[in-house]
Amino acid sequence: MNMALSNERIQQKLTEKFGEAVYGFEEPYGLLSFETAKENNLKVMQFLYDDAELGFHFLTDLCAVNYPDQPGRELAVVYHLHNLSENIRLRMKVFTGIQTPDVYTATSLFSSANWMERETYDFFGVNFVGHPNLKRILNVDEMDYFPLRKEYPLEDQTRIDKDDEMFGRG
């Protein structure tokens, strides 16, 4: 009889296979989350896909987060994987520096990664190495910046028509 797949079992299998190359395990709201070096993203996802017990065959989402205060790891690429038969999900994160934002493409494993990686490139500037068609997907090609990076102030500091009391700052 096959036991239901648990977060503990997934973590155990990942740790047996990759040792200290997978780390930062936590379970916010019951969602198993962990981190690996960006160089390992494909090895870990391939293992999660191929292992008969794990069976993470569906890439639900792929996105980025900008952490400007973390030098050398300003950009996180976040993968959400789903085992459809066991209905269990997990989150894997890899970090990269903003100076060399290179992360291997997952398009050879998940065709759904294609447009998600293009969107992540378009808004955050992550360079998905090996992507078959890495170009902007929502913004104009002429755009010379990545609009979801936290490099710009949230509001125009020069405006004088704002009453700070209306914004809880007075």
Protein backbone atom coordinates (compact mmCIF):
# COMPACT_ATOMS: atom_id res chain seq x y z
CA MET A 1 0.00 0.00 0.00
CA ASN A 2 1.31 3.44 -0.98
CA MET A 3 1.57 5.93 1.86
CA ALA A 4 0.34 9.45 1.17
CA LEU A 5 3.17 11.76 0.20
CA SER A 6 4.00 14.15 3.05
CA ASN A 7 6.14 17.27 3.31
CA GLU A 8 8.44 15.35 5.68
CA ARG A 9 8.93 12.57 3.12
CA ILE A 10 9.64 15.04 0.29
CA GLN A 11 12.21 16.85 2.44
CA GLN A 12 13.77 13.53 3.44
CA LYS A 13 14.12 12.42 -0.20
CA LEU A 14 15.54 15.78 -1.28
CA THR A 15 18.06 15.76 1.58
CA GLU A 16 19.09 12.16 0.87
CA LYS A 17 19.72 13.04 -2.77
CA PHE A 18 21.23 16.53 -2.49
CA GLY A 19 22.46 16.85 1.11
CA GLU A 20 23.34 20.41 2.09
CA ALA A 21 22.68 21.64 -1.48
CA VAL A 22 19.00 21.97 -0.47
CA TYR A 23 18.34 24.11 2.60
CA GLY A 24 16.10 26.68 4.24
CA PHE A 25 13.21 24.27 4.57
CA GLU A 26 10.03 25.80 6.01
CA GLU A 27 6.28 25.22 5.76
CA PRO A 28 4.37 28.51 5.58
CA TYR A 29 0.65 27.67 5.56
CA GLY A 30 1.61 24.02 5.09
CA LEU A 31 3.45 24.65 1.80
CA LEU A 32 6.86 22.97 1.81
CA SER A 33 9.38 25.61 0.71
CA PHE A 34 13.13 25.37 0.30
CA GLU A 35 16.11 26.93 -1.43
CA THR A 36 18.93 25.65 -3.60
CA ALA A 37 21.78 27.33 -5.48
CA LYS A 38 20.77 28.59 -8.91
CA GLU A 39 23.25 26.16 -10.51
CA ASN A 40 21.16 23.26 -9.13
CA ASN A 41 17.69 24.37 -10.23
CA LEU A 42 17.39 21.89 -13.11
CA LYS A 43 18.96 18.97 -11.23
CA VAL A 44 16.52 19.40 -8.34
CA MET A 45 13.46 19.88 -10.57
CA GLN A 46 14.45 16.89 -12.73
CA PHE A 47 14.71 14.73 -9.60
CA LEU A 48 11.33 15.97 -8.33
CA TYR A 49 9.89 15.14 -11.76
CA ASP A 50 11.54 11.76 -12.38
CA ASP A 51 11.36 10.18 -8.92
CA ALA A 52 8.43 7.73 -9.00
CA GLU A 53 7.34 8.55 -5.45
CA LEU A 54 7.62 12.35 -5.82
CA GLY A 55 6.08 12.87 -9.27
CA PHE A 56 6.08 16.68 -9.49
CA HIS A 57 5.06 16.84 -13.15
CA PHE A 58 3.33 20.22 -13.22
CA LEU A 59 4.89 23.68 -13.01
CA THR A 60 2.07 25.81 -11.59
CA ASP A 61 3.96 29.08 -11.48
CA LEU A 62 7.36 30.65 -11.98
CA CYS A 63 8.03 34.24 -10.95
CA ALA A 64 10.66 36.49 -9.43
CA VAL A 65 10.99 38.68 -6.35
CA ASN A 66 13.40 41.59 -5.99
CA TYR A 67 15.25 41.94 -2.68
CA PRO A 68 17.38 45.08 -3.25
CA ASP A 69 18.86 44.90 0.27
CA GLN A 70 20.46 41.46 -0.26
CA PRO A 71 23.73 42.04 -2.14
CA GLY A 72 24.55 39.18 -4.52
CA ARG A 73 21.05 37.71 -4.13
CA GLU A 74 18.86 40.58 -5.19
CA LEU A 75 16.65 38.42 -7.42
CA ALA A 76 14.83 35.27 -6.37
CA VAL A 77 13.29 32.97 -8.96
CA VAL A 78 10.41 31.10 -7.34
CA TYR A 79 9.03 27.83 -8.72
CA HIS A 80 5.71 26.31 -7.61
CA LEU A 81 5.49 22.61 -8.48
CA HIS A 82 2.46 20.36 -8.17
CA ASN A 83 2.09 16.59 -7.87
CA LEU A 84 -1.37 16.23 -9.40
CA SER A 85 -2.04 12.61 -8.39
CA GLU A 86 -1.25 13.24 -4.70
CA ASN A 87 -2.48 16.87 -4.87
CA ILE A 88 0.56 18.21 -3.06
CA ARG A 89 2.52 21.35 -3.88
CA LEU A 90 5.94 22.75 -3.08
CA ARG A 91 7.91 25.95 -3.55
CA MET A 92 11.55 26.08 -4.60
CA LYS A 93 13.61 29.28 -4.66
CA VAL A 94 16.93 30.11 -6.26
CA PHE A 95 18.70 33.44 -5.83
CA THR A 96 20.92 35.34 -8.24
CA GLY A 97 22.77 38.63 -8.22
CA ILE A 98 21.40 41.53 -10.22
CA GLN A 99 24.78 42.03 -11.94
CA THR A 100 24.72 38.55 -13.51
CA PRO A 101 21.08 37.46 -13.35
CA ASP A 102 21.65 34.14 -15.16
CA VAL A 103 19.44 31.16 -14.28
CA TYR A 104 19.07 27.99 -16.37
CA THR A 105 15.79 27.77 -18.30
CA ALA A 106 13.28 25.13 -17.23
CA THR A 107 11.70 24.97 -20.70
CA SER A 108 13.22 21.58 -21.52
CA LEU A 109 11.42 20.07 -18.51
CA PHE A 110 8.20 22.13 -18.49
CA SER A 111 6.88 23.74 -21.68
CA SER A 112 4.74 25.96 -19.45
CA ALA A 113 7.98 27.63 -18.29
CA ASN A 114 8.36 29.31 -21.69
CA TRP A 115 6.01 32.26 -21.29
CA MET A 116 6.45 32.47 -17.51
CA GLU A 117 10.21 32.87 -17.97
CA ARG A 118 9.63 35.47 -20.68
CA GLU A 119 7.39 37.44 -18.31
CA THR A 120 9.96 37.13 -15.51
CA TYR A 121 12.67 38.37 -17.86
CA ASP A 122 10.41 41.19 -19.07
CA PHE A 123 9.65 42.55 -15.60
CA PHE A 124 12.73 41.58 -13.54
CA GLY A 125 15.54 41.05 -16.07
CA VAL A 126 16.32 37.44 -15.15
CA ASN A 127 18.34 35.96 -18.03
CA PHE A 128 17.07 32.40 -18.53
CA VAL A 129 20.08 30.71 -20.09
CA GLY A 130 19.08 28.36 -22.93
CA HIS A 131 15.56 29.77 -23.33
CA PRO A 132 14.43 29.27 -26.97
CA ASN A 133 12.97 32.79 -27.38
CA LEU A 134 13.83 35.06 -24.45
CA LYS A 135 12.31 38.41 -25.37
CA ARG A 136 9.78 40.76 -23.82
CA ILE A 137 6.25 39.42 -23.75
CA LEU A 138 4.11 42.25 -22.27
CA ASN A 139 6.24 45.42 -22.41
CA VAL A 140 7.53 47.16 -25.53
CA ASP A 141 10.85 45.91 -26.94
CA GLU A 142 12.36 49.42 -26.67
CA MET A 143 11.99 49.46 -22.87
CA ASP A 144 15.48 49.70 -21.37
CA TYR A 145 14.63 48.83 -17.76
CA PHE A 146 12.77 46.15 -15.80
CA PRO A 147 9.71 47.75 -14.19
CA LEU A 148 9.17 45.40 -11.22
CA ARG A 149 12.64 45.87 -9.80
CA LYS A 150 12.53 48.05 -6.71
CA GLU A 151 14.91 50.63 -8.17
CA TYR A 152 12.48 53.52 -8.34
CA PRO A 153 10.65 55.53 -5.67
CA LEU A 154 7.01 54.57 -5.18
CA GLU A 155 5.84 58.18 -5.55
CA ASP A 156 7.07 61.45 -6.97
CA GLN A 157 8.86 63.22 -4.11
CA THR A 158 8.66 66.61 -5.88
CA ARG A 159 4.87 66.90 -5.85
CA ILE A 160 3.50 69.65 -3.63
CA ASP A 161 -0.21 68.94 -4.15
CA LYS A 162 -0.27 66.11 -1.60
CA ASP A 163 -1.39 66.61 1.96
CA ASP A 164 0.75 64.29 4.10
CA GLU A 165 -2.06 64.05 6.68
CA MET A 166 -4.15 62.24 4.06
CA PHE A 167 -1.46 59.54 3.88
CA GLY A 168 -1.01 59.03 7.60
CA ARG A 169 2.25 60.97 7.65
CA GLY A 170 1.20 64.32 9.09
